[in-house]
Amino acid sequence: MFSNTFKKTAVMERDRCSFCKGKLSNGKTEFIAKVGDVVISIKSVPAYVCENCGEAYFTPEISRKIDEIMEDFHEARLLAHPLAAGEVELKI
Protein backbone atom coordinates (compact mmCIF):
# COMPACT_ATOMS: atom_id res chain seq x y z
CA MET A 1 0.00 0.00 0.00
CA PHE A 2 2.74 2.53 0.93
CA SER A 3 5.54 1.23 -1.34
CA ASN A 4 4.87 3.68 -4.14
CA THR A 5 5.21 6.68 -1.82
CA PHE A 6 8.76 5.93 -0.69
CA LYS A 7 11.69 6.66 -2.98
CA LYS A 8 13.97 3.88 -1.76
CA THR A 9 11.53 1.03 -2.20
CA ALA A 10 12.36 -0.70 -5.46
CA VAL A 11 12.62 -4.12 -7.01
CA MET A 12 16.17 -4.76 -8.19
CA GLU A 13 16.89 -7.33 -10.83
CA ARG A 14 20.25 -5.93 -11.91
CA ASP A 15 23.58 -5.54 -10.13
CA ARG A 16 24.01 -1.83 -10.97
CA CYS A 17 22.56 1.31 -9.41
CA SER A 18 19.94 2.97 -11.60
CA PHE A 19 21.22 6.43 -10.58
CA CYS A 20 25.03 6.29 -10.84
CA LYS A 21 25.58 2.81 -12.34
CA GLY A 22 27.70 1.85 -9.32
CA LYS A 23 27.97 -1.77 -8.18
CA LEU A 24 25.33 -3.08 -5.76
CA SER A 25 26.26 -5.31 -2.86
CA ASN A 26 24.32 -6.97 -0.04
CA GLY A 27 24.15 -4.81 3.03
CA LYS A 28 21.88 -3.09 5.50
CA THR A 29 20.44 0.38 5.56
CA GLU A 30 18.09 2.56 7.55
CA PHE A 31 14.62 3.29 6.20
CA ILE A 32 13.35 6.74 7.23
CA ALA A 33 9.90 8.12 6.51
CA LYS A 34 8.14 11.28 7.64
CA VAL A 35 4.44 10.84 8.40
CA GLY A 36 2.90 14.21 9.20
CA ASP A 37 5.09 15.67 11.94
CA VAL A 38 6.46 12.26 12.99
CA VAL A 39 9.63 10.66 11.68
CA ILE A 40 9.88 6.88 11.77
CA SER A 41 13.19 5.07 11.38
CA ILE A 42 13.54 1.35 10.67
CA LYS A 43 17.11 0.24 11.33
CA SER A 44 19.13 -2.67 9.93
CA VAL A 45 16.98 -3.21 6.85
CA PRO A 46 18.54 -5.75 4.43
CA ALA A 47 19.09 -4.16 1.03
CA TYR A 48 21.23 -4.04 -2.06
CA VAL A 49 23.31 -0.90 -1.45
CA CYS A 50 25.25 1.00 -4.11
CA GLU A 51 28.95 1.05 -3.27
CA ASN A 52 29.29 4.44 -4.97
CA CYS A 53 26.32 6.63 -3.93
CA GLY A 54 24.70 4.60 -1.12
CA GLU A 55 21.27 4.28 -2.78
CA ALA A 56 19.42 1.27 -1.36
CA TYR A 57 17.16 -1.20 -3.17
CA PHE A 58 14.82 -3.60 -1.39
CA THR A 59 13.57 -7.00 -2.46
CA PRO A 60 9.79 -7.46 -2.76
CA GLU A 61 9.79 -9.43 0.53
CA ILE A 62 11.55 -6.62 2.42
CA SER A 63 9.28 -4.02 0.80
CA ARG A 64 6.23 -5.95 2.07
CA LYS A 65 7.68 -6.04 5.59
CA ILE A 66 8.29 -2.28 5.49
CA ASP A 67 4.71 -1.82 4.27
CA GLU A 68 3.43 -3.90 7.21
CA ILE A 69 5.38 -1.78 9.68
CA MET A 70 4.08 1.43 8.11
CA GLU A 71 0.50 0.14 8.15
CA ASP A 72 0.88 -0.78 11.83
CA PHE A 73 2.21 2.72 12.48
CA HIS A 74 -0.71 4.38 10.64
CA GLU A 75 -3.24 2.22 12.48
CA ALA A 76 -1.59 2.97 15.86
CA ARG A 77 -0.64 -0.69 16.39
CA LEU A 78 3.06 0.12 16.50
CA LEU A 79 4.61 1.05 19.84
CA ALA A 80 7.52 3.42 19.29
CA HIS A 81 9.76 4.87 21.98
CA PRO A 82 9.11 8.56 22.68
CA LEU A 83 12.30 9.83 21.00
CA ALA A 84 12.88 12.44 18.33
CA ALA A 85 12.27 9.60 15.88
CA GLY A 86 10.34 6.37 16.52
CA GLU A 87 12.73 3.50 15.84
CA VAL A 88 11.80 -0.07 15.05
CA GLU A 89 13.90 -2.97 13.86
CA LEU A 90 12.95 -5.12 10.88
CA LYS A 91 12.69 -8.73 12.07
CA ILE A 92 13.10 -11.36 9.43
C-alpha atoms as a PDB file:
ATOM      1  CA  MET A   1       0.000   0.000   0.000  1.00  0.00           C
ATOM      2  CA  PHE A   2       2.738   2.534   0.930  1.00  0.00           C
ATOM      3  CA  SER A   3       5.542   1.229  -1.335  1.00  0.00           C
ATOM      4  CA  ASN A   4       4.872   3.677  -4.135  1.00  0.00           C
ATOM      5  CA  THR A   5       5.214   6.679  -1.817  1.00  0.00           C
ATOM      6  CA  PHE A   6       8.757   5.930  -0.689  1.00  0.00           C
ATOM      7  CA  LYS A   7      11.694   6.659  -2.980  1.00  0.00           C
ATOM      8  CA  LYS A   8      13.973   3.881  -1.761  1.00  0.00           C
ATOM      9  CA  THR A   9      11.527   1.035  -2.202  1.00  0.00           C
ATOM     10  CA  ALA A  10      12.358  -0.697  -5.461  1.00  0.00           C
ATOM     11  CA  VAL A  11      12.619  -4.120  -7.013  1.00  0.00           C
ATOM     12  CA  MET A  12      16.171  -4.760  -8.191  1.00  0.00           C
ATOM     13  CA  GLU A  13      16.886  -7.332 -10.830  1.00  0.00           C
ATOM     14  CA  ARG A  14      20.253  -5.932 -11.914  1.00  0.00           C
ATOM     15  CA  ASP A  15      23.584  -5.541 -10.134  1.00  0.00           C
ATOM     16  CA  ARG A  16      24.010  -1.826 -10.971  1.00  0.00           C
ATOM     17  CA  CYS A  17      22.562   1.314  -9.407  1.00  0.00           C
ATOM     18  CA  SER A  18      19.942   2.967 -11.600  1.00  0.00           C
ATOM     19  CA  PHE A  19      21.221   6.427 -10.575  1.00  0.00           C
ATOM     20  CA  CYS A  20      25.028   6.290 -10.839  1.00  0.00           C
ATOM     21  CA  LYS A  21      25.582   2.806 -12.341  1.00  0.00           C
ATOM     22  CA  GLY A  22      27.696   1.852  -9.315  1.00  0.00           C
ATOM     23  CA  LYS A  23      27.967  -1.766  -8.179  1.00  0.00           C
ATOM     24  CA  LEU A  24      25.328  -3.075  -5.759  1.00  0.00           C
ATOM     25  CA  SER A  25      26.256  -5.313  -2.863  1.00  0.00           C
ATOM     26  CA  ASN A  26      24.324  -6.967  -0.044  1.00  0.00           C
ATOM     27  CA  GLY A  27      24.154  -4.808   3.031  1.00  0.00           C
ATOM     28  CA  LYS A  28      21.877  -3.092   5.502  1.00  0.00           C
ATOM     29  CA  THR A  29      20.444   0.384   5.562  1.00  0.00           C
ATOM     30  CA  GLU A  30      18.093   2.565   7.553  1.00  0.00           C
ATOM     31  CA  PHE A  31      14.615   3.294   6.200  1.00  0.00           C
ATOM     32  CA  ILE A  32      13.354   6.735   7.228  1.00  0.00           C
ATOM     33  CA  ALA A  33       9.897   8.122   6.514  1.00  0.00           C
ATOM     34  CA  LYS A  34       8.140  11.280   7.636  1.00  0.00           C
ATOM     35  CA  VAL A  35       4.445  10.842   8.403  1.00  0.00           C
ATOM     36  CA  GLY A  36       2.903  14.207   9.198  1.00  0.00           C
ATOM     37  CA  ASP A  37       5.088  15.667  11.937  1.00  0.00           C
ATOM     38  CA  VAL A  38       6.457  12.263  12.995  1.00  0.00           C
ATOM     39  CA  VAL A  39       9.634  10.658  11.683  1.00  0.00           C
ATOM     40  CA  ILE A  40       9.875   6.877  11.773  1.00  0.00           C
ATOM     41  CA  SER A  41      13.189   5.067  11.383  1.00  0.00           C
ATOM     42  CA  ILE A  42      13.539   1.350  10.669  1.00  0.00           C
ATOM     43  CA  LYS A  43      17.107   0.243  11.328  1.00  0.00           C
ATOM     44  CA  SER A  44      19.128  -2.667   9.934  1.00  0.00           C
ATOM     45  CA  VAL A  45      16.984  -3.208   6.845  1.00  0.00           C
ATOM     46  CA  PRO A  46      18.542  -5.749   4.432  1.00  0.00           C
ATOM     47  CA  ALA A  47      19.091  -4.156   1.030  1.00  0.00           C
ATOM     48  CA  TYR A  48      21.234  -4.037  -2.059  1.00  0.00           C
ATOM     49  CA  VAL A  49      23.314  -0.902  -1.452  1.00  0.00           C
ATOM     50  CA  CYS A  50      25.248   0.999  -4.109  1.00  0.00           C
ATOM     51  CA  GLU A  51      28.946   1.049  -3.266  1.00  0.00           C
ATOM     52  CA  ASN A  52      29.289   4.442  -4.974  1.00  0.00           C
ATOM     53  CA  CYS A  53      26.325   6.626  -3.933  1.00  0.00           C
ATOM     54  CA  GLY A  54      24.697   4.597  -1.124  1.00  0.00           C
ATOM     55  CA  GLU A  55      21.272   4.284  -2.780  1.00  0.00           C
ATOM     56  CA  ALA A  56      19.415   1.274  -1.364  1.00  0.00           C
ATOM     57  CA  TYR A  57      17.157  -1.197  -3.168  1.00  0.00           C
ATOM     58  CA  PHE A  58      14.824  -3.600  -1.386  1.00  0.00           C
ATOM     59  CA  THR A  59      13.572  -7.003  -2.457  1.00  0.00           C
ATOM     60  CA  PRO A  60       9.790  -7.459  -2.756  1.00  0.00           C
ATOM     61  CA  GLU A  61       9.795  -9.427   0.528  1.00  0.00           C
ATOM     62  CA  ILE A  62      11.545  -6.620   2.417  1.00  0.00           C
ATOM     63  CA  SER A  63       9.279  -4.016   0.802  1.00  0.00           C
ATOM     64  CA  ARG A  64       6.235  -5.948   2.069  1.00  0.00           C
ATOM     65  CA  LYS A  65       7.684  -6.044   5.590  1.00  0.00           C
ATOM     66  CA  ILE A  66       8.291  -2.284   5.490  1.00  0.00           C
ATOM     67  CA  ASP A  67       4.706  -1.818   4.267  1.00  0.00           C
ATOM     68  CA  GLU A  68       3.428  -3.903   7.206  1.00  0.00           C
ATOM     69  CA  ILE A  69       5.380  -1.777   9.680  1.00  0.00           C
ATOM     70  CA  MET A  70       4.084   1.432   8.111  1.00  0.00           C
ATOM     71  CA  GLU A  71       0.498   0.141   8.150  1.00  0.00           C
ATOM     72  CA  ASP A  72       0.875  -0.775  11.835  1.00  0.00           C
ATOM     73  CA  PHE A  73       2.206   2.723  12.477  1.00  0.00           C
ATOM     74  CA  HIS A  74      -0.711   4.384  10.640  1.00  0.00           C
ATOM     75  CA  GLU A  75      -3.238   2.224  12.479  1.00  0.00           C
ATOM     76  CA  ALA A  76      -1.586   2.973  15.865  1.00  0.00           C
ATOM     77  CA  ARG A  77      -0.644  -0.689  16.391  1.00  0.00           C
ATOM     78  CA  LEU A  78       3.063   0.122  16.505  1.00  0.00           C
ATOM     79  CA  LEU A  79       4.612   1.053  19.835  1.00  0.00           C
ATOM     80  CA  ALA A  80       7.521   3.418  19.293  1.00  0.00           C
ATOM     81  CA  HIS A  81       9.761   4.871  21.979  1.00  0.00           C
ATOM     82  CA  PRO A  82       9.108   8.562  22.676  1.00  0.00           C
ATOM     83  CA  LEU A  83      12.297   9.831  20.998  1.00  0.00           C
ATOM     84  CA  ALA A  84      12.879  12.439  18.331  1.00  0.00           C
ATOM     85  CA  ALA A  85      12.271   9.595  15.879  1.00  0.00           C
ATOM     86  CA  GLY A  86      10.340   6.372  16.524  1.00  0.00           C
ATOM     87  CA  GLU A  87      12.728   3.500  15.840  1.00  0.00           C
ATOM     88  CA  VAL A  88      11.800  -0.074  15.050  1.00  0.00           C
ATOM     89  CA  GLU A  89      13.895  -2.970  13.865  1.00  0.00           C
ATOM     90  CA  LEU A  90      12.948  -5.121  10.876  1.00  0.00           C
ATOM     91  CA  LYS A  91      12.690  -8.728  12.073  1.00  0.00           C
ATOM     92  CA  ILE A  92      13.104 -11.359   9.425  1.00  0.00           C
END
